[in-house]
Amino acid sequence: MSAPAISRTPPAQHEAPPARVPRKRSASAAATSLFLWGYAAIAVLPLLVMVVNSLRTTREMAADPLGLPADPNFASYSKAWVQASFGTFFTNSLLVTVSSVVLSTTVSLLAAYALARSRSRITSVIEAVFLSGLMLPVYLAILPVFYLLDGMGLVDSKIGLILVYAALSVPFSVFVLTSFFRQLPEELEEAARIDGAGSIRMFWNIMLPLVRPAIATVIVFRFVPIWNDFFYPLVLLRSRENYTLPVGLTTFFGEYQTDWPTLFAGLVIATLPLVILFLVATRQIVAGLTAGMSK
């Protein structure tokens, strides 16, 4: 008799049922998402009203303040840019803000890298000096700053305003960038030195790309307050052709207080760079703020 055939088919394996998300957790996530979307809608609504009203006429706004434009008209933008000197204010703000941020970020990168890699005892003293700039209200220094710039002949000068903003931005930038440089392993620099890379090449080609999220965070967090600052331009600038947007808006509102479409067009022009900046740098900002939270 032949032996019975032995089945070589492996026993069926029972697949584990998919894990179910607890109802409490899913409900909490849905409530959180709903709250965030509602908050976003509330935050965006004034911007939409501002843009829509800039495309309407004064008569339409008087009849229906929250209505839609019957015939969208971009003439208010041309009027705000040319007749109201908004183009000059915008150019001055862009020049002052970009120059200040670039200058302060460049200086802060070099200082932060040196502080993060130095082993000297004086490093802690220098770092404490930088941190002290975050503890003192910047507006308390307006008199010394004014007399200093007056002695240098830089009052009513965009160069003087750029230097002031750059100096005020350095403490915060150094504080943020130093913490990022300290998180980078020193083995990267040792490997670069073995390959024959010099200090400048190592800093430019290796260190800077690794701290890109921190650089984006510093740029955004310094660009916004400088762009919106009203105090220092009001004190340090005297001629209309040197006014930045916040100071220019005061004269703008006085001259065009009854021309609502032009006022809204000016506000849209003043807000647009900030919106573009956040849209472009959002991913880098999130990466910079969350760096170091997980290993």
Protein backbone atom coordinates (compact mmCIF):
# COMPACT_ATOMS: atom_id res chain seq x y z
CA MET A 1 0.00 0.00 0.00
CA SER A 2 1.23 3.39 -0.83
CA ALA A 3 1.54 5.88 1.96
CA PRO A 4 -1.11 8.58 1.93
CA ALA A 5 0.01 11.81 0.31
CA ILE A 6 1.04 14.41 2.76
CA SER A 7 -0.26 17.86 1.98
CA ARG A 8 2.53 20.38 1.75
CA THR A 9 0.20 23.33 1.60
CA PRO A 10 0.96 25.60 4.57
CA PRO A 11 -1.93 26.22 6.89
CA ALA A 12 -3.87 29.33 6.15
CA GLN A 13 -2.69 32.26 8.16
CA HIS A 14 -5.35 34.39 9.66
CA GLU A 15 -4.75 38.06 8.93
CA ALA A 16 -4.99 40.37 11.90
CA PRO A 17 -8.00 42.61 11.71
CA PRO A 18 -7.15 46.24 11.02
CA ALA A 19 -6.75 48.37 14.07
CA ARG A 20 -9.71 50.56 14.73
CA VAL A 21 -9.26 54.15 15.70
CA PRO A 22 -11.00 54.87 18.98
CA ARG A 23 -14.12 56.93 18.56
CA LYS A 24 -13.03 59.44 21.18
CA ARG A 25 -9.78 60.08 19.36
CA SER A 26 -11.44 60.49 15.95
CA ALA A 27 -14.05 62.83 17.41
CA SER A 28 -11.35 64.90 19.08
CA ALA A 29 -9.37 65.14 15.83
CA ALA A 30 -12.50 66.17 13.93
CA ALA A 31 -13.34 68.83 16.52
CA THR A 32 -9.77 70.17 16.40
CA SER A 33 -9.79 70.28 12.60
CA LEU A 34 -13.16 72.03 12.59
CA PHE A 35 -11.92 74.61 15.09
CA LEU A 36 -8.76 75.32 13.06
CA TRP A 37 -10.68 75.68 9.82
CA GLY A 38 -13.14 78.02 11.54
CA TYR A 39 -10.30 80.10 12.94
CA ALA A 40 -8.66 80.24 9.50
CA ALA A 41 -11.93 81.41 7.95
CA ILE A 42 -12.31 84.16 10.55
CA ALA A 43 -8.70 85.26 10.00
CA VAL A 44 -9.00 85.30 6.19
CA LEU A 45 -12.40 87.03 6.08
CA PRO A 46 -11.07 90.59 6.76
CA LEU A 47 -8.45 90.12 4.03
CA LEU A 48 -11.12 89.06 1.55
CA VAL A 49 -13.30 92.04 2.48
CA MET A 50 -10.30 94.32 2.00
CA VAL A 51 -9.51 92.91 -1.45
CA VAL A 52 -13.15 92.94 -2.60
CA ASN A 53 -13.75 96.53 -1.48
CA SER A 54 -10.59 97.70 -3.26
CA LEU A 55 -12.27 96.65 -6.53
CA ARG A 56 -15.49 98.60 -5.90
CA THR A 57 -16.48 102.24 -6.15
CA THR A 58 -17.28 104.58 -3.28
CA ARG A 59 -20.94 104.68 -4.31
CA GLU A 60 -21.21 100.87 -4.23
CA MET A 61 -19.60 100.72 -0.79
CA ALA A 62 -21.98 103.35 0.57
CA ALA A 63 -24.98 101.41 -0.73
CA ASP A 64 -23.78 97.95 0.35
CA PRO A 65 -20.56 97.87 2.47
CA LEU A 66 -20.23 94.05 2.32
CA GLY A 67 -21.41 93.45 -1.21
CA LEU A 68 -19.54 92.18 -4.24
CA PRO A 69 -18.23 94.47 -7.00
CA ALA A 70 -20.65 94.81 -9.89
CA ASP A 71 -17.80 95.70 -12.25
CA PRO A 72 -14.31 95.05 -10.75
CA ASN A 73 -12.14 98.12 -11.19
CA PHE A 74 -8.38 98.26 -10.60
CA ALA A 75 -8.13 102.03 -10.96
CA SER A 76 -7.83 102.42 -7.17
CA TYR A 77 -4.51 100.54 -7.20
CA SER A 78 -3.07 102.85 -9.82
CA LYS A 79 -4.29 105.87 -7.88
CA ALA A 80 -2.80 104.63 -4.61
CA TRP A 81 0.52 103.69 -6.22
CA VAL A 82 1.07 106.89 -8.23
CA GLN A 83 -1.01 109.79 -6.90
CA ALA A 84 -0.76 108.87 -3.21
CA SER A 85 3.01 108.15 -3.43
CA PHE A 86 2.36 104.62 -2.25
CA GLY A 87 4.96 103.35 -4.68
CA THR A 88 7.60 105.44 -2.92
CA PHE A 89 6.54 104.26 0.54
CA PHE A 90 6.48 100.64 -0.63
CA THR A 91 9.94 100.88 -2.21
CA ASN A 92 11.40 102.50 0.91
CA SER A 93 9.93 99.82 3.18
CA LEU A 94 11.14 97.02 0.93
CA LEU A 95 14.65 98.48 0.75
CA VAL A 96 14.92 99.11 4.49
CA THR A 97 13.42 95.77 5.53
CA VAL A 98 15.33 93.53 3.11
CA SER A 99 18.64 95.30 3.75
CA SER A 100 18.19 95.14 7.53
CA VAL A 101 17.28 91.45 7.50
CA VAL A 102 20.13 90.49 5.17
CA LEU A 103 22.70 92.47 7.18
CA SER A 104 21.54 91.20 10.58
CA THR A 105 21.24 87.59 9.40
CA THR A 106 24.72 87.61 7.88
CA VAL A 107 26.31 89.01 11.03
CA SER A 108 24.27 86.68 13.25
CA LEU A 109 25.24 83.58 11.28
CA LEU A 110 28.94 84.27 11.71
CA ALA A 111 28.57 85.16 15.39
CA ALA A 112 26.32 82.19 16.17
CA TYR A 113 28.67 79.70 14.51
CA ALA A 114 31.65 81.06 16.41
CA LEU A 115 29.77 80.95 19.72
CA ALA A 116 28.48 77.44 19.11
CA ARG A 117 31.90 75.98 18.31
CA SER A 118 34.12 78.02 20.64
CA ARG A 119 35.56 76.41 23.76
CA SER A 120 36.80 79.65 25.34
CA ARG A 121 35.55 80.87 28.71
CA ILE A 122 34.82 84.29 27.29
CA THR A 123 32.22 82.72 24.99
CA SER A 124 29.63 82.57 27.77
CA VAL A 125 30.24 86.25 28.54
CA ILE A 126 29.79 87.26 24.90
CA GLU A 127 26.65 85.15 24.64
CA ALA A 128 25.26 86.81 27.77
CA VAL A 129 25.87 90.21 26.16
CA PHE A 130 23.85 89.14 23.12
CA LEU A 131 21.05 87.77 25.30
CA SER A 132 20.89 91.01 27.28
CA GLY A 133 19.67 92.67 24.09
CA LEU A 134 16.50 90.57 24.36
CA MET A 135 15.81 91.67 27.92
CA LEU A 136 15.81 95.45 27.41
CA PRO A 137 12.89 97.19 25.65
CA VAL A 138 14.23 98.56 22.39
CA TYR A 139 12.21 101.77 22.66
CA LEU A 140 14.14 102.84 25.75
CA ALA A 141 17.20 103.38 23.55
CA ILE A 142 15.58 105.90 21.24
CA LEU A 143 17.36 108.96 22.69
CA PRO A 144 20.90 107.50 22.53
CA VAL A 145 20.16 106.14 19.06
CA PHE A 146 18.84 109.48 17.86
CA TYR A 147 21.84 111.44 19.18
CA LEU A 148 24.24 108.85 17.75
CA LEU A 149 22.69 109.02 14.29
CA ASP A 150 22.47 112.81 14.49
CA GLY A 151 26.18 113.00 15.22
CA MET A 152 26.90 110.73 12.26
CA GLY A 153 24.60 112.70 9.97
CA LEU A 154 22.28 109.74 9.44
CA VAL A 155 19.02 111.23 10.73
CA ASP A 156 16.40 111.30 7.96
CA SER A 157 18.41 108.64 6.13
CA LYS A 158 17.43 105.15 5.08
CA ILE A 159 20.96 103.97 5.80
CA GLY A 160 20.68 105.04 9.43
CA LEU A 161 17.33 103.26 9.77
CA ILE A 162 18.79 100.09 8.22
CA LEU A 163 21.68 100.10 10.70
CA VAL A 164 19.32 100.55 13.65
CA TYR A 165 17.04 97.70 12.58
CA ALA A 166 20.00 95.41 11.85
CA ALA A 167 21.50 96.06 15.30
CA LEU A 168 18.17 95.45 17.02
CA SER A 169 17.70 92.16 15.15
CA VAL A 170 21.07 90.62 16.00
CA PRO A 171 20.33 89.42 19.60
CA PHE A 172 17.27 87.39 18.61
CA SER A 173 18.95 85.99 15.50
CA VAL A 174 22.08 84.95 17.40
CA PHE A 175 19.98 83.28 20.09
CA VAL A 176 18.06 81.15 17.57
CA LEU A 177 20.97 80.31 15.28
CA THR A 178 23.35 79.38 18.10
CA SER A 179 20.98 76.71 19.37
CA PHE A 180 20.72 75.23 15.88
CA PHE A 181 24.48 75.17 15.29
CA ARG A 182 24.98 73.39 18.62
CA GLN A 183 22.65 70.60 17.51
CA LEU A 184 24.86 69.78 14.52
CA PRO A 185 27.40 66.98 15.17
CA GLU A 186 31.02 68.06 15.17
CA GLU A 187 31.93 64.89 13.23
CA LEU A 188 30.73 66.65 10.07
CA GLU A 189 33.38 69.33 10.46
CA GLU A 190 36.05 66.79 11.29
CA ALA A 191 35.24 64.81 8.15
CA ALA A 192 35.33 68.01 6.08
CA ARG A 193 38.75 68.93 7.47
CA ILE A 194 40.07 65.47 6.63
CA ASP A 195 38.86 65.99 3.05
CA GLY A 196 40.81 69.25 2.93
CA ALA A 197 37.96 71.75 3.26
CA GLY A 198 38.83 75.12 4.75
CA SER A 199 36.82 77.00 7.35
CA ILE A 200 35.00 79.20 4.83
CA ARG A 201 34.11 76.32 2.51
CA MET A 202 33.01 74.14 5.43
CA PHE A 203 30.79 76.92 6.79
CA TRP A 204 29.28 77.78 3.41
CA ASN A 205 28.81 74.32 1.87
CA ILE A 206 28.09 72.18 4.95
CA MET A 207 26.84 74.22 7.87
CA LEU A 208 24.56 76.71 6.13
CA PRO A 209 22.42 74.13 4.25
CA LEU A 210 21.84 72.26 7.51
CA VAL A 211 20.52 75.35 9.33
CA ARG A 212 18.28 76.50 6.48
CA PRO A 213 15.07 76.11 8.55
CA ALA A 214 16.59 78.31 11.26
CA ILE A 215 17.58 80.94 8.71
CA ALA A 216 14.03 80.99 7.31
CA THR A 217 12.63 81.32 10.82
CA VAL A 218 14.93 84.23 11.64
CA ILE A 219 14.16 85.99 8.36
CA VAL A 220 10.38 85.77 8.82
CA PHE A 221 10.41 86.70 12.51
CA ARG A 222 12.53 89.78 11.79
CA PHE A 223 10.93 90.78 8.47
CA VAL A 224 7.42 91.15 9.88
CA PRO A 225 8.15 93.52 12.83
CA ILE A 226 10.51 95.67 10.74
CA TRP A 227 7.96 95.93 7.92
CA ASN A 228 5.22 96.94 10.36
CA ASP A 229 7.31 99.17 12.65
CA PHE A 230 6.00 102.71 13.04
CA PHE A 231 8.03 104.10 15.94
CA TYR A 232 11.58 104.35 14.60
CA PRO A 233 10.66 105.69 11.13
CA LEU A 234 8.45 108.30 12.79
CA VAL A 235 11.31 109.54 14.98
CA LEU A 236 14.26 109.14 12.62
CA LEU A 237 12.71 110.15 9.28
CA ARG A 238 11.56 113.67 8.44
CA SER A 239 11.08 113.98 4.68
CA ARG A 240 8.14 112.43 2.87
CA GLU A 241 10.30 110.83 0.18
CA ASN A 242 12.02 108.70 2.87
CA TYR A 243 8.85 107.54 4.65
CA THR A 244 8.21 103.83 5.00
CA LEU A 245 4.75 102.29 4.68
CA PRO A 246 3.60 102.60 8.33
CA VAL A 247 4.45 106.31 8.46
CA GLY A 248 3.21 106.92 4.93
CA LEU A 249 -0.12 105.33 5.83
CA THR A 250 -0.79 108.09 8.36
CA THR A 251 -0.59 110.79 5.68
CA PHE A 252 -2.33 108.47 3.24
CA PHE A 253 -5.37 108.07 5.51
CA GLY A 254 -5.50 111.81 6.10
CA GLU A 255 -5.59 112.67 2.41
CA TYR A 256 -7.88 109.87 1.18
CA GLN A 257 -10.17 109.36 4.16
CA THR A 258 -13.28 109.61 1.96
CA ASP A 259 -11.88 107.58 -0.95
CA TRP A 260 -12.48 104.10 0.45
CA PRO A 261 -11.46 102.01 -2.58
CA THR A 262 -8.07 103.75 -2.68
CA LEU A 263 -7.62 103.20 1.06
CA PHE A 264 -8.36 99.50 0.72
CA ALA A 265 -6.05 99.25 -2.30
CA GLY A 266 -3.24 100.78 -0.25
CA LEU A 267 -3.85 98.30 2.56
CA VAL A 268 -3.77 95.39 0.12
CA ILE A 269 -0.43 96.61 -1.24
CA ALA A 270 0.96 96.91 2.29
CA THR A 271 -0.24 93.42 3.28
CA LEU A 272 0.68 91.52 0.12
CA PRO A 273 4.44 91.06 0.82
CA LEU A 274 3.73 89.52 4.23
CA VAL A 275 1.20 87.08 2.78
CA ILE A 276 3.63 86.04 0.04
CA LEU A 277 6.44 85.62 2.56
CA PHE A 278 4.40 83.32 4.78
CA LEU A 279 3.15 81.26 1.84
CA VAL A 280 6.66 80.76 0.50
CA ALA A 281 8.41 80.07 3.81
CA THR A 282 5.70 78.16 5.71
CA ARG A 283 7.39 74.75 5.41
CA GLN A 284 10.76 76.12 6.51
CA ILE A 285 9.16 77.99 9.42
CA VAL A 286 7.46 74.85 10.71
CA ALA A 287 10.68 72.86 10.34
CA GLY A 288 12.60 75.54 12.20
CA LEU A 289 10.12 75.81 15.07
CA THR A 290 9.83 72.04 15.54
CA ALA A 291 13.52 71.16 15.16
CA GLY A 292 14.90 69.41 18.20
CA MET A 293 11.47 68.38 19.55
CA SER A 294 11.95 64.75 18.48
CA LYS A 295 15.01 62.54 18.19
